[in-house]
């Protein structure tokens, strides 16, 4: 029964960031796990995690982790050795 504005304000007070950022973080976390544990192409991971484009996935991972997907995969493979 909340208006979108009220929901957004309450959500941000409780979680510390907006709902849109929360959804983006969840998508990014799902993608990071998929990239680190699987061998699917990046475009397939982007699509399955709800990103509209591969570039959107790249930008999101770069924003949150400071890495691009290929660097993330290389890092996770090195950790497995």
PDB file of N, CA and C in Angstrom:
ATOM      1  N   UNK A   1       0.785  -1.183   0.000  1.00  0.00           N
ATOM      2  CA  UNK A   1       0.000   0.000   0.000  1.00  0.00           C
ATOM      3  C   UNK A   1       0.846   1.274   0.000  1.00  0.00           C
ATOM      4  N   UNK A   2       2.161   1.187  -0.232  1.00  0.00           N
ATOM      5  CA  UNK A   2       3.000   2.380  -0.270  1.00  0.00           C
ATOM      6  C   UNK A   2       2.996   2.996  -1.667  1.00  0.00           C
ATOM      7  N   UNK A   3       3.127   4.286  -1.726  1.00  0.00           N
ATOM      8  CA  UNK A   3       3.367   4.928  -3.019  1.00  0.00           C
ATOM      9  C   UNK A   3       4.822   4.623  -3.403  1.00  0.00           C
ATOM     10  N   UNK A   4       5.147   4.661  -4.689  1.00  0.00           N
ATOM     11  CA  UNK A   4       6.535   4.406  -5.094  1.00  0.00           C
ATOM     12  C   UNK A   4       7.530   5.344  -4.398  1.00  0.00           C
ATOM     13  N   UNK A   5       7.174   6.598  -4.230  1.00  0.00           N
ATOM     14  CA  UNK A   5       8.053   7.555  -3.572  1.00  0.00           C
ATOM     15  C   UNK A   5       8.284   7.161  -2.116  1.00  0.00           C
ATOM     16  N   UNK A   6       7.213   6.818  -1.397  1.00  0.00           N
ATOM     17  CA  UNK A   6       7.348   6.456   0.017  1.00  0.00           C
ATOM     18  C   UNK A   6       8.144   5.161   0.169  1.00  0.00           C
ATOM     19  N   UNK A   7       7.847   4.178  -0.672  1.00  0.00           N
ATOM     20  CA  UNK A   7       8.589   2.917  -0.634  1.00  0.00           C
ATOM     21  C   UNK A   7      10.083   3.174  -0.824  1.00  0.00           C
ATOM     22  N   UNK A   8      10.410   3.984  -1.828  1.00  0.00           N
ATOM     23  CA  UNK A   8      11.808   4.284  -2.113  1.00  0.00           C
ATOM     24  C   UNK A   8      12.494   4.953  -0.927  1.00  0.00           C
ATOM     25  N   UNK A   9      11.811   5.890  -0.304  1.00  0.00           N
ATOM     26  CA  UNK A   9      12.380   6.601   0.836  1.00  0.00           C
ATOM     27  C   UNK A   9      12.595   5.664   2.026  1.00  0.00           C
ATOM     28  N   UNK A  10      11.608   4.840   2.339  1.00  0.00           N
ATOM     29  CA  UNK A  10      11.713   3.900   3.459  1.00  0.00           C
ATOM     30  C   UNK A  10      12.793   2.858   3.174  1.00  0.00           C
ATOM     31  N   UNK A  11      12.821   2.344   1.959  1.00  0.00           N
ATOM     32  CA  UNK A  11      13.820   1.343   1.581  1.00  0.00           C
ATOM     33  C   UNK A  11      15.223   1.905   1.769  1.00  0.00           C
ATOM     34  N   UNK A  12      15.449   3.119   1.291  1.00  0.00           N
ATOM     35  CA  UNK A  12      16.775   3.731   1.405  1.00  0.00           C
ATOM     36  C   UNK A  12      17.155   3.953   2.863  1.00  0.00           C
ATOM     37  N   UNK A  13      16.205   4.329   3.701  1.00  0.00           N
ATOM     38  CA  UNK A  13      16.486   4.511   5.130  1.00  0.00           C
ATOM     39  C   UNK A  13      16.886   3.188   5.782  1.00  0.00           C
ATOM     40  N   UNK A  14      16.233   2.104   5.399  1.00  0.00           N
ATOM     41  CA  UNK A  14      16.485   0.808   6.030  1.00  0.00           C
ATOM     42  C   UNK A  14      17.744   0.122   5.494  1.00  0.00           C
ATOM     43  N   UNK A  15      17.988   0.224   4.198  1.00  0.00           N
ATOM     44  CA  UNK A  15      19.061  -0.537   3.570  1.00  0.00           C
ATOM     45  C   UNK A  15      20.325   0.302   3.375  1.00  0.00           C
ATOM     46  N   UNK A  16      20.167   1.585   3.214  1.00  0.00           N
ATOM     47  CA  UNK A  16      21.317   2.457   3.043  1.00  0.00           C
ATOM     48  C   UNK A  16      21.568   2.886   1.612  1.00  0.00           C
ATOM     49  N   UNK A  17      20.833   2.297   0.671  1.00  0.00           N
ATOM     50  CA  UNK A  17      20.898   2.725  -0.720  1.00  0.00           C
ATOM     51  C   UNK A  17      19.556   2.441  -1.368  1.00  0.00           C
ATOM     52  N   UNK A  18      19.338   3.039  -2.527  1.00  0.00           N
ATOM     53  CA  UNK A  18      18.037   2.945  -3.190  1.00  0.00           C
ATOM     54  C   UNK A  18      17.723   1.562  -3.731  1.00  0.00           C
ATOM     55  N   UNK A  19      16.439   1.371  -4.039  1.00  0.00           N
ATOM     56  CA  UNK A  19      15.969   0.080  -4.530  1.00  0.00           C
ATOM     57  C   UNK A  19      16.630  -0.281  -5.858  1.00  0.00           C
ATOM     58  N   UNK A  20      16.772   0.678  -6.764  1.00  0.00           N
ATOM     59  CA  UNK A  20      17.398   0.408  -8.049  1.00  0.00           C
ATOM     60  C   UNK A  20      18.836  -0.074  -7.857  1.00  0.00           C
ATOM     61  N   UNK A  21      19.572   0.568  -6.973  1.00  0.00           N
ATOM     62  CA  UNK A  21      20.948   0.141  -6.709  1.00  0.00           C
ATOM     63  C   UNK A  21      20.978  -1.249  -6.075  1.00  0.00           C
ATOM     64  N   UNK A  22      20.002  -1.545  -5.200  1.00  0.00           N
ATOM     65  CA  UNK A  22      19.900  -2.861  -4.583  1.00  0.00           C
ATOM     66  C   UNK A  22      19.726  -3.945  -5.647  1.00  0.00           C
ATOM     67  N   UNK A  23      18.816  -3.708  -6.587  1.00  0.00           N
ATOM     68  CA  UNK A  23      18.575  -4.679  -7.664  1.00  0.00           C
ATOM     69  C   UNK A  23      19.834  -4.841  -8.508  1.00  0.00           C
ATOM     70  N   UNK A  24      20.500  -3.726  -8.814  1.00  0.00           N
ATOM     71  CA  UNK A  24      21.727  -3.789  -9.607  1.00  0.00           C
ATOM     72  C   UNK A  24      22.810  -4.570  -8.875  1.00  0.00           C
ATOM     73  N   UNK A  25      22.928  -4.367  -7.581  1.00  0.00           N
ATOM     74  CA  UNK A  25      23.922  -5.117  -6.794  1.00  0.00           C
ATOM     75  C   UNK A  25      23.609  -6.609  -6.784  1.00  0.00           C
ATOM     76  N   UNK A  26      22.342  -6.957  -6.662  1.00  0.00           N
ATOM     77  CA  UNK A  26      21.955  -8.375  -6.687  1.00  0.00           C
ATOM     78  C   UNK A  26      22.291  -9.005  -8.034  1.00  0.00           C
ATOM     79  N   UNK A  27      21.968  -8.313  -9.130  1.00  0.00           N
ATOM     80  CA  UNK A  27      22.293  -8.818 -10.466  1.00  0.00           C
ATOM     81  C   UNK A  27      23.801  -8.986 -10.622  1.00  0.00           C
ATOM     82  N   UNK A  28      24.536  -7.989 -10.152  1.00  0.00           N
ATOM     83  CA  UNK A  28      25.989  -8.034 -10.285  1.00  0.00           C
ATOM     84  C   UNK A  28      26.570  -9.184  -9.478  1.00  0.00           C
ATOM     85  N   UNK A  29      26.071  -9.382  -8.279  1.00  0.00           N
ATOM     86  CA  UNK A  29      26.571 -10.485  -7.448  1.00  0.00           C
ATOM     87  C   UNK A  29      26.289 -11.830  -8.109  1.00  0.00           C
ATOM     88  N   UNK A  30      25.106 -11.987  -8.668  1.00  0.00           N
ATOM     89  CA  UNK A  30      24.771 -13.219  -9.386  1.00  0.00           C
ATOM     90  C   UNK A  30      25.725 -13.435 -10.560  1.00  0.00           C
ATOM     91  N   UNK A  31      25.997 -12.370 -11.293  1.00  0.00           N
ATOM     92  CA  UNK A  31      26.886 -12.458 -12.454  1.00  0.00           C
ATOM     93  C   UNK A  31      28.311 -12.795 -12.029  1.00  0.00           C
ATOM     94  N   UNK A  32      28.780 -12.177 -10.958  1.00  0.00           N
ATOM     95  CA  UNK A  32      30.141 -12.447 -10.466  1.00  0.00           C
ATOM     96  C   UNK A  32      30.272 -13.919 -10.088  1.00  0.00           C
ATOM     97  N   UNK A  33      29.295 -14.439  -9.373  1.00  0.00           N
ATOM     98  CA  UNK A  33      29.336 -15.857  -8.993  1.00  0.00           C
ATOM     99  C   UNK A  33      29.339 -16.753 -10.229  1.00  0.00           C
ATOM    100  N   UNK A  34      28.524 -16.406 -11.205  1.00  0.00           N
ATOM    101  CA  UNK A  34      28.451 -17.199 -12.426  1.00  0.00           C
ATOM    102  C   UNK A  34      29.765 -17.134 -13.206  1.00  0.00           C
ATOM    103  N   UNK A  35      30.360 -15.953 -13.285  1.00  0.00           N
ATOM    104  CA  UNK A  35      31.629 -15.808 -14.007  1.00  0.00           C
ATOM    105  C   UNK A  35      32.760 -16.551 -13.309  1.00  0.00           C
ATOM    106  N   UNK A  36      32.749 -16.564 -11.988  1.00  0.00           N
ATOM    107  CA  UNK A  36      33.821 -17.207 -11.223  1.00  0.00           C
ATOM    108  C   UNK A  36      33.699 -18.723 -11.190  1.00  0.00           C
ATOM    109  N   UNK A  37      32.501 -19.244 -11.289  1.00  0.00           N
ATOM    110  CA  UNK A  37      32.311 -20.679 -11.144  1.00  0.00           C
ATOM    111  C   UNK A  37      31.975 -21.401 -12.440  1.00  0.00           C
ATOM    112  N   UNK A  38      31.609 -20.657 -13.486  1.00  0.00           N
ATOM    113  CA  UNK A  38      31.205 -21.303 -14.727  1.00  0.00           C
ATOM    114  C   UNK A  38      32.079 -20.895 -15.886  1.00  0.00           C
ATOM    115  N   UNK A  39      31.733 -21.426 -17.047  1.00  0.00           N
ATOM    116  CA  UNK A  39      32.501 -21.089 -18.240  1.00  0.00           C
ATOM    117  C   UNK A  39      31.610 -20.554 -19.356  1.00  0.00           C
ATOM    118  N   UNK A  40      30.424 -20.079 -18.988  1.00  0.00           N
ATOM    119  CA  UNK A  40      29.521 -19.508 -19.979  1.00  0.00           C
ATOM    120  C   UNK A  40      30.113 -18.208 -20.534  1.00  0.00           C
ATOM    121  N   UNK A  41      29.836 -17.904 -21.793  1.00  0.00           N
ATOM    122  CA  UNK A  41      30.279 -16.623 -22.354  1.00  0.00           C
ATOM    123  C   UNK A  41      29.661 -15.445 -21.585  1.00  0.00           C
ATOM    124  N   UNK A  42      30.348 -14.328 -21.614  1.00  0.00           N
ATOM    125  CA  UNK A  42      29.905 -13.165 -20.856  1.00  0.00           C
ATOM    126  C   UNK A  42      28.533 -12.692 -21.303  1.00  0.00           C
ATOM    127  N   UNK A  43      28.230 -12.765 -22.602  1.00  0.00           N
ATOM    128  CA  UNK A  43      26.923 -12.309 -23.065  1.00  0.00           C
ATOM    129  C   UNK A  43      25.793 -13.192 -22.527  1.00  0.00           C
ATOM    130  N   UNK A  44      26.047 -14.471 -22.357  1.00  0.00           N
ATOM    131  CA  UNK A  44      25.043 -15.378 -21.791  1.00  0.00           C
ATOM    132  C   UNK A  44      24.841 -15.067 -20.306  1.00  0.00           C
ATOM    133  N   UNK A  45      25.919 -14.821 -19.590  1.00  0.00           N
ATOM    134  CA  UNK A  45      25.836 -14.461 -18.169  1.00  0.00           C
ATOM    135  C   UNK A  45      25.072 -13.151 -18.015  1.00  0.00           C
ATOM    136  N   UNK A  46      25.381 -12.174 -18.855  1.00  0.00           N
ATOM    137  CA  UNK A  46      24.700 -10.883 -18.783  1.00  0.00           C
ATOM    138  C   UNK A  46      23.196 -11.052 -18.971  1.00  0.00           C
ATOM    139  N   UNK A  47      22.814 -11.800 -19.962  1.00  0.00           N
ATOM    140  CA  UNK A  47      21.395 -12.016 -20.248  1.00  0.00           C
ATOM    141  C   UNK A  47      20.701 -12.785 -19.125  1.00  0.00           C
ATOM    142  N   UNK A  48      21.343 -13.826 -18.623  1.00  0.00           N
ATOM    143  CA  UNK A  48      20.705 -14.653 -17.590  1.00  0.00           C
ATOM    144  C   UNK A  48      20.610 -13.937 -16.246  1.00  0.00           C
ATOM    145  N   UNK A  49      21.430 -12.901 -16.037  1.00  0.00           N
ATOM    146  CA  UNK A  49      21.404 -12.155 -14.773  1.00  0.00           C
ATOM    147  C   UNK A  49      20.580 -10.871 -14.863  1.00  0.00           C
ATOM    148  N   UNK A  50      19.938 -10.643 -16.002  1.00  0.00           N
ATOM    149  CA  UNK A  50      19.022  -9.516 -16.116  1.00  0.00           C
ATOM    150  C   UNK A  50      19.613  -8.226 -16.645  1.00  0.00           C
ATOM    151  N   UNK A  51      20.814  -8.293 -17.200  1.00  0.00           N
ATOM    152  CA  UNK A  51      21.400  -7.098 -17.801  1.00  0.00           C
ATOM    153  C   UNK A  51      20.928  -7.000 -19.245  1.00  0.00           C
ATOM    154  N   UNK A  52      20.621  -5.801 -19.670  1.00  0.00           N
ATOM    155  CA  UNK A  52      20.143  -5.598 -21.034  1.00  0.00           C
ATOM    156  C   UNK A  52      21.229  -5.813 -22.072  1.00  0.00           C
ATOM    157  N   UNK A  53      22.463  -5.480 -21.700  1.00  0.00           N
ATOM    158  CA  UNK A  53      23.576  -5.611 -22.629  1.00  0.00           C
ATOM    159  C   UNK A  53      24.806  -6.144 -21.897  1.00  0.00           C
ATOM    160  N   UNK A  54      25.743  -6.654 -22.668  1.00  0.00           N
ATOM    161  CA  UNK A  54      27.012  -7.094 -22.106  1.00  0.00           C
ATOM    162  C   UNK A  54      27.758  -5.902 -21.527  1.00  0.00           C
ATOM    163  N   UNK A  55      27.660  -4.767 -22.199  1.00  0.00           N
ATOM    164  CA  UNK A  55      28.319  -3.553 -21.716  1.00  0.00           C
ATOM    165  C   UNK A  55      27.767  -3.146 -20.351  1.00  0.00           C
ATOM    166  N   UNK A  56      26.471  -3.320 -20.138  1.00  0.00           N
ATOM    167  CA  UNK A  56      25.875  -3.017 -18.833  1.00  0.00           C
ATOM    168  C   UNK A  56      26.473  -3.874 -17.732  1.00  0.00           C
ATOM    169  N   UNK A  57      26.695  -5.145 -18.025  1.00  0.00           N
ATOM    170  CA  UNK A  57      27.330  -6.046 -17.060  1.00  0.00           C
ATOM    171  C   UNK A  57      28.761  -5.602 -16.789  1.00  0.00           C
ATOM    172  N   UNK A  58      29.506  -5.314 -17.838  1.00  0.00           N
ATOM    173  CA  UNK A  58      30.898  -4.871 -17.673  1.00  0.00           C
ATOM    174  C   UNK A  58      30.982  -3.626 -16.790  1.00  0.00           C
ATOM    175  N   UNK A  59      30.126  -2.646 -17.072  1.00  0.00           N
ATOM    176  CA  UNK A  59      30.145  -1.404 -16.298  1.00  0.00           C
ATOM    177  C   UNK A  59      29.779  -1.637 -14.839  1.00  0.00           C
ATOM    178  N   UNK A  60      28.812  -2.500 -14.601  1.00  0.00           N
ATOM    179  CA  UNK A  60      28.384  -2.771 -13.238  1.00  0.00           C
ATOM    180  C   UNK A  60      29.480  -3.467 -12.432  1.00  0.00           C
ATOM    181  N   UNK A  61      30.118  -4.463 -13.022  1.00  0.00           N
ATOM    182  CA  UNK A  61      31.205  -5.159 -12.330  1.00  0.00           C
ATOM    183  C   UNK A  61      32.374  -4.208 -12.100  1.00  0.00           C
ATOM    184  N   UNK A  62      32.664  -3.388 -13.087  1.00  0.00           N
ATOM    185  CA  UNK A  62      33.758  -2.414 -12.953  1.00  0.00           C
ATOM    186  C   UNK A  62      33.454  -1.424 -11.822  1.00  0.00           C
ATOM    187  N   UNK A  63      32.205  -0.990 -11.721  1.00  0.00           N
ATOM    188  CA  UNK A  63      31.814  -0.040 -10.683  1.00  0.00           C
ATOM    189  C   UNK A  63      31.939  -0.643  -9.286  1.00  0.00           C
ATOM    190  N   UNK A  64      31.492  -1.873  -9.107  1.00  0.00           N
ATOM    191  CA  UNK A  64      31.460  -2.472  -7.774  1.00  0.00           C
ATOM    192  C   UNK A  64      32.774  -3.130  -7.364  1.00  0.00           C
ATOM    193  N   UNK A  65      33.521  -3.690  -8.327  1.00  0.00           N
ATOM    194  CA  UNK A  65      34.735  -4.427  -7.978  1.00  0.00           C
ATOM    195  C   UNK A  65      36.012  -3.806  -8.514  1.00  0.00           C
ATOM    196  N   UNK A  66      35.883  -2.884  -9.463  1.00  0.00           N
ATOM    197  CA  UNK A  66      37.070  -2.290 -10.058  1.00  0.00           C
ATOM    198  C   UNK A  66      37.748  -3.196 -11.078  1.00  0.00           C
ATOM    199  N   UNK A  67      37.063  -4.224 -11.514  1.00  0.00           N
ATOM    200  CA  UNK A  67      37.585  -5.177 -12.496  1.00  0.00           C
ATOM    201  C   UNK A  67      36.607  -5.310 -13.647  1.00  0.00           C
ATOM    202  N   UNK A  68      37.098  -5.712 -14.801  1.00  0.00           N
ATOM    203  CA  UNK A  68      36.214  -6.103 -15.898  1.00  0.00           C
ATOM    204  C   UNK A  68      36.045  -7.616 -15.826  1.00  0.00           C
ATOM    205  N   UNK A  69      35.016  -8.169 -16.459  1.00  0.00           N
ATOM    206  CA  UNK A  69      34.766  -9.612 -16.339  1.00  0.00           C
ATOM    207  C   UNK A  69      35.960 -10.506 -16.670  1.00  0.00           C
ATOM    208  N   UNK A  70      36.733 -10.169 -17.685  1.00  0.00           N
ATOM    209  CA  UNK A  70      37.886 -11.018 -18.025  1.00  0.00           C
ATOM    210  C   UNK A  70      38.923 -11.001 -16.905  1.00  0.00           C
ATOM    211  N   UNK A  71      39.132  -9.848 -16.269  1.00  0.00           N
ATOM    212  CA  UNK A  71      40.057  -9.777 -15.128  1.00  0.00           C
ATOM    213  C   UNK A  71      39.514 -10.576 -13.948  1.00  0.00           C
ATOM    214  N   UNK A  72      38.211 -10.515 -13.751  1.00  0.00           N
ATOM    215  CA  UNK A  72      37.570 -11.261 -12.666  1.00  0.00           C
ATOM    216  C   UNK A  72      37.771 -12.759 -12.863  1.00  0.00           C
ATOM    217  N   UNK A  73      37.556 -13.227 -14.085  1.00  0.00           N
ATOM    218  CA  UNK A  73      37.758 -14.656 -14.370  1.00  0.00           C
ATOM    219  C   UNK A  73      39.208 -15.056 -14.173  1.00  0.00           C
ATOM    220  N   UNK A  74      40.128 -14.235 -14.627  1.00  0.00           N
ATOM    221  CA  UNK A  74      41.551 -14.542 -14.479  1.00  0.00           C
ATOM    222  C   UNK A  74      41.928 -14.615 -13.002  1.00  0.00           C
ATOM    223  N   UNK A  75      41.384 -13.704 -12.198  1.00  0.00           N
ATOM    224  CA  UNK A  75      41.647 -13.684 -10.763  1.00  0.00           C
ATOM    225  C   UNK A  75      41.093 -14.933 -10.096  1.00  0.00           C
ATOM    226  N   UNK A  76      39.872 -15.310 -10.453  1.00  0.00           N
ATOM    227  CA  UNK A  76      39.256 -16.483  -9.816  1.00  0.00           C
ATOM    228  C   UNK A  76      39.961 -17.766 -10.240  1.00  0.00           C
ATOM    229  N   UNK A  77      40.441 -17.846 -11.479  1.00  0.00           N
ATOM    230  CA  UNK A  77      41.180 -19.031 -11.926  1.00  0.00           C
ATOM    231  C   UNK A  77      42.515 -19.133 -11.207  1.00  0.00           C
ATOM    232  N   UNK A  78      43.164 -18.002 -10.975  1.00  0.00           N
ATOM    233  CA  UNK A  78      44.441 -17.997 -10.259  1.00  0.00           C
ATOM    234  C   UNK A  78      44.236 -18.438  -8.801  1.00  0.00           C
ATOM    235  N   UNK A  79      43.109 -18.066  -8.209  1.00  0.00           N
ATOM    236  CA  UNK A  79      42.814 -18.457  -6.839  1.00  0.00           C
ATOM    237  C   UNK A  79      42.580 -19.961  -6.717  1.00  0.00           C
ATOM    238  N   UNK A  80      42.121 -20.590  -7.794  1.00  0.00           N
ATOM    239  CA  UNK A  80      41.852 -22.029  -7.754  1.00  0.00           C
ATOM    240  C   UNK A  80      43.131 -22.854  -7.855  1.00  0.00           C
ATOM    241  N   UNK A  81      44.196 -22.238  -8.333  1.00  0.00           N
ATOM    242  CA  UNK A  81      45.462 -22.988  -8.502  1.00  0.00           C
ATOM    243  C   UNK A  81      46.206 -23.103  -7.231  1.00  0.00           C
TER     244      UNK A  81
END
